[in-house]
Amino acid sequence: IAEIGLRLGYGDVSSFHRAFRQWVGMTPSAFRKARN
Protein backbone atom coordinates (compact mmCIF):
# COMPACT_ATOMS: atom_id res chain seq x y z
CA ILE A 1 0.00 0.00 0.00
CA ALA A 2 2.85 2.37 0.83
CA GLU A 3 4.44 1.78 -2.58
CA ILE A 4 1.16 2.57 -4.35
CA GLY A 5 0.80 5.80 -2.40
CA LEU A 6 4.34 6.86 -3.26
CA ARG A 7 3.81 6.06 -6.94
CA LEU A 8 0.70 8.24 -6.91
CA GLY A 9 2.69 11.12 -5.47
CA TYR A 10 1.74 10.97 -1.78
CA GLY A 11 4.60 11.79 0.56
CA ASP A 12 3.53 9.39 3.29
CA VAL A 13 1.20 6.48 3.90
CA SER A 14 -1.21 8.37 6.15
CA SER A 15 -1.95 10.92 3.43
CA PHE A 16 -2.71 8.14 0.98
CA HIS A 17 -4.94 6.32 3.49
CA ARG A 18 -6.89 9.51 4.17
CA ALA A 19 -7.42 10.23 0.46
CA PHE A 20 -8.32 6.59 -0.28
CA ARG A 21 -10.91 6.60 2.51
CA GLN A 22 -12.48 9.77 1.08
CA TRP A 23 -12.68 8.29 -2.44
CA VAL A 24 -13.76 4.74 -1.60
CA GLY A 25 -15.42 5.08 1.79
CA MET A 26 -13.13 2.59 3.55
CA THR A 27 -9.46 2.15 4.34
CA PRO A 28 -7.19 0.33 1.89
CA SER A 29 -6.96 -2.62 4.29
CA ALA A 30 -10.75 -2.88 4.63
CA PHE A 31 -11.08 -2.62 0.84
CA ARG A 32 -8.58 -5.43 0.34
CA LYS A 33 -10.37 -7.66 2.88
CA ALA A 34 -13.75 -6.97 1.25
CA ARG A 35 -12.36 -7.95 -2.17
CA ASN A 36 -11.19 -11.40 -0.96
PDB file of N, CA and C in Angstrom:
ATOM      1  N   ILE A   1       0.837  -1.191   0.000  1.00  0.00           N
ATOM      2  CA  ILE A   1       0.000   0.000   0.000  1.00  0.00           C
ATOM      3  C   ILE A   1       0.877   1.248   0.000  1.00  0.00           C
ATOM      4  N   ALA A   2       1.948   1.209   0.779  1.00  0.00           N
ATOM      5  CA  ALA A   2       2.848   2.367   0.831  1.00  0.00           C
ATOM      6  C   ALA A   2       3.452   2.647  -0.537  1.00  0.00           C
ATOM      7  N   GLU A   3       3.847   1.596  -1.251  1.00  0.00           N
ATOM      8  CA  GLU A   3       4.440   1.780  -2.583  1.00  0.00           C
ATOM      9  C   GLU A   3       3.443   2.409  -3.552  1.00  0.00           C
ATOM     10  N   ILE A   4       2.197   1.991  -3.478  1.00  0.00           N
ATOM     11  CA  ILE A   4       1.160   2.569  -4.349  1.00  0.00           C
ATOM     12  C   ILE A   4       1.001   4.055  -4.053  1.00  0.00           C
ATOM     13  N   GLY A   5       0.932   4.394  -2.774  1.00  0.00           N
ATOM     14  CA  GLY A   5       0.800   5.799  -2.398  1.00  0.00           C
ATOM     15  C   GLY A   5       1.953   6.643  -2.903  1.00  0.00           C
ATOM     16  N   LEU A   6       3.168   6.115  -2.775  1.00  0.00           N
ATOM     17  CA  LEU A   6       4.336   6.856  -3.256  1.00  0.00           C
ATOM     18  C   LEU A   6       4.301   7.015  -4.770  1.00  0.00           C
ATOM     19  N   ARG A   7       3.896   5.978  -5.480  1.00  0.00           N
ATOM     20  CA  ARG A   7       3.811   6.062  -6.944  1.00  0.00           C
ATOM     21  C   ARG A   7       2.763   7.073  -7.394  1.00  0.00           C
ATOM     22  N   LEU A   8       1.740   7.264  -6.577  1.00  0.00           N
ATOM     23  CA  LEU A   8       0.701   8.240  -6.911  1.00  0.00           C
ATOM     24  C   LEU A   8       1.063   9.655  -6.466  1.00  0.00           C
ATOM     25  N   GLY A   9       2.213   9.799  -5.833  1.00  0.00           N
ATOM     26  CA  GLY A   9       2.688  11.124  -5.467  1.00  0.00           C
ATOM     27  C   GLY A   9       2.440  11.541  -4.031  1.00  0.00           C
ATOM     28  N   TYR A  10       1.961  10.639  -3.189  1.00  0.00           N
ATOM     29  CA  TYR A  10       1.744  10.972  -1.780  1.00  0.00           C
ATOM     30  C   TYR A  10       3.055  10.833  -1.028  1.00  0.00           C
ATOM     31  N   GLY A  11       3.342  11.784  -0.167  1.00  0.00           N
ATOM     32  CA  GLY A  11       4.600  11.792   0.562  1.00  0.00           C
ATOM     33  C   GLY A  11       4.672  10.785   1.687  1.00  0.00           C
ATOM     34  N   ASP A  12       3.532  10.388   2.224  1.00  0.00           N
ATOM     35  CA  ASP A  12       3.527   9.394   3.293  1.00  0.00           C
ATOM     36  C   ASP A  12       2.262   8.551   3.230  1.00  0.00           C
ATOM     37  N   VAL A  13       2.291   7.447   3.952  1.00  0.00           N
ATOM     38  CA  VAL A  13       1.197   6.482   3.905  1.00  0.00           C
ATOM     39  C   VAL A  13      -0.094   7.060   4.475  1.00  0.00           C
ATOM     40  N   SER A  14       0.005   7.847   5.538  1.00  0.00           N
ATOM     41  CA  SER A  14      -1.214   8.372   6.155  1.00  0.00           C
ATOM     42  C   SER A  14      -1.977   9.295   5.211  1.00  0.00           C
ATOM     43  N   SER A  15      -1.276  10.055   4.407  1.00  0.00           N
ATOM     44  CA  SER A  15      -1.953  10.918   3.426  1.00  0.00           C
ATOM     45  C   SER A  15      -2.697  10.086   2.398  1.00  0.00           C
ATOM     46  N   PHE A  16      -2.062   9.023   1.939  1.00  0.00           N
ATOM     47  CA  PHE A  16      -2.711   8.144   0.975  1.00  0.00           C
ATOM     48  C   PHE A  16      -3.934   7.464   1.591  1.00  0.00           C
ATOM     49  N   HIS A  17      -3.806   6.968   2.814  1.00  0.00           N
ATOM     50  CA  HIS A  17      -4.944   6.325   3.493  1.00  0.00           C
ATOM     51  C   HIS A  17      -6.122   7.283   3.615  1.00  0.00           C
ATOM     52  N   ARG A  18      -5.836   8.514   3.998  1.00  0.00           N
ATOM     53  CA  ARG A  18      -6.889   9.512   4.166  1.00  0.00           C
ATOM     54  C   ARG A  18      -7.597   9.779   2.838  1.00  0.00           C
ATOM     55  N   ALA A  19      -6.828   9.969   1.773  1.00  0.00           N
ATOM     56  CA  ALA A  19      -7.418  10.225   0.456  1.00  0.00           C
ATOM     57  C   ALA A  19      -8.197   9.009  -0.035  1.00  0.00           C
ATOM     58  N   PHE A  20      -7.648   7.821   0.148  1.00  0.00           N
ATOM     59  CA  PHE A  20      -8.317   6.594  -0.281  1.00  0.00           C
ATOM     60  C   PHE A  20      -9.659   6.446   0.430  1.00  0.00           C
ATOM     61  N   ARG A  21      -9.664   6.716   1.735  1.00  0.00           N
ATOM     62  CA  ARG A  21     -10.906   6.602   2.508  1.00  0.00           C
ATOM     63  C   ARG A  21     -11.951   7.595   2.018  1.00  0.00           C
ATOM     64  N   GLN A  22     -11.530   8.786   1.620  1.00  0.00           N
ATOM     65  CA  GLN A  22     -12.477   9.770   1.083  1.00  0.00           C
ATOM     66  C   GLN A  22     -13.052   9.304  -0.251  1.00  0.00           C
ATOM     67  N   TRP A  23     -12.226   8.727  -1.113  1.00  0.00           N
ATOM     68  CA  TRP A  23     -12.680   8.286  -2.438  1.00  0.00           C
ATOM     69  C   TRP A  23     -13.561   7.055  -2.375  1.00  0.00           C
ATOM     70  N   VAL A  24     -13.133   6.063  -1.572  1.00  0.00           N
ATOM     71  CA  VAL A  24     -13.763   4.742  -1.602  1.00  0.00           C
ATOM     72  C   VAL A  24     -14.746   4.531  -0.458  1.00  0.00           C
ATOM     73  N   GLY A  25     -14.541   5.230   0.646  1.00  0.00           N
ATOM     74  CA  GLY A  25     -15.424   5.077   1.791  1.00  0.00           C
ATOM     75  C   GLY A  25     -14.937   4.060   2.800  1.00  0.00           C
ATOM     76  N   MET A  26     -13.733   3.525   2.598  1.00  0.00           N
ATOM     77  CA  MET A  26     -13.128   2.589   3.551  1.00  0.00           C
ATOM     78  C   MET A  26     -11.615   2.654   3.403  1.00  0.00           C
ATOM     79  N   THR A  27     -10.923   2.142   4.393  1.00  0.00           N
ATOM     80  CA  THR A  27      -9.463   2.152   4.338  1.00  0.00           C
ATOM     81  C   THR A  27      -8.967   1.153   3.298  1.00  0.00           C
ATOM     82  N   PRO A  28      -7.727   1.299   2.845  1.00  0.00           N
ATOM     83  CA  PRO A  28      -7.189   0.330   1.892  1.00  0.00           C
ATOM     84  C   PRO A  28      -7.215  -1.102   2.425  1.00  0.00           C
ATOM     85  N   SER A  29      -6.936  -1.278   3.703  1.00  0.00           N
ATOM     86  CA  SER A  29      -6.962  -2.622   4.292  1.00  0.00           C
ATOM     87  C   SER A  29      -8.365  -3.211   4.274  1.00  0.00           C
ATOM     88  N   ALA A  30      -9.358  -2.415   4.643  1.00  0.00           N
ATOM     89  CA  ALA A  30     -10.746  -2.885   4.625  1.00  0.00           C
ATOM     90  C   ALA A  30     -11.186  -3.199   3.203  1.00  0.00           C
ATOM     91  N   PHE A  31     -10.756  -2.387   2.250  1.00  0.00           N
ATOM     92  CA  PHE A  31     -11.079  -2.622   0.844  1.00  0.00           C
ATOM     93  C   PHE A  31     -10.497  -3.950   0.379  1.00  0.00           C
ATOM     94  N   ARG A  32      -9.245  -4.188   0.740  1.00  0.00           N
ATOM     95  CA  ARG A  32      -8.578  -5.428   0.340  1.00  0.00           C
ATOM     96  C   ARG A  32      -9.274  -6.640   0.958  1.00  0.00           C
ATOM     97  N   LYS A  33      -9.663  -6.556   2.227  1.00  0.00           N
ATOM     98  CA  LYS A  33     -10.371  -7.658   2.884  1.00  0.00           C
ATOM     99  C   LYS A  33     -11.730  -7.904   2.238  1.00  0.00           C
ATOM    100  N   ALA A  34     -12.417  -6.838   1.865  1.00  0.00           N
ATOM    101  CA  ALA A  34     -13.745  -6.973   1.248  1.00  0.00           C
ATOM    102  C   ALA A  34     -13.657  -7.603  -0.137  1.00  0.00           C
ATOM    103  N   ARG A  35     -12.538  -7.423  -0.819  1.00  0.00           N
ATOM    104  CA  ARG A  35     -12.362  -7.954  -2.171  1.00  0.00           C
ATOM    105  C   ARG A  35     -12.009  -9.438  -2.169  1.00  0.00           C
ATOM    106  N   ASN A  36     -11.594  -9.978  -1.031  1.00  0.00           N
ATOM    107  CA  ASN A  36     -11.193 -11.397  -0.963  1.00  0.00           C
ATOM    108  C   ASN A  36     -12.331 -12.283  -0.582  1.00  0.00           C
TER     109      ASN A  36
END
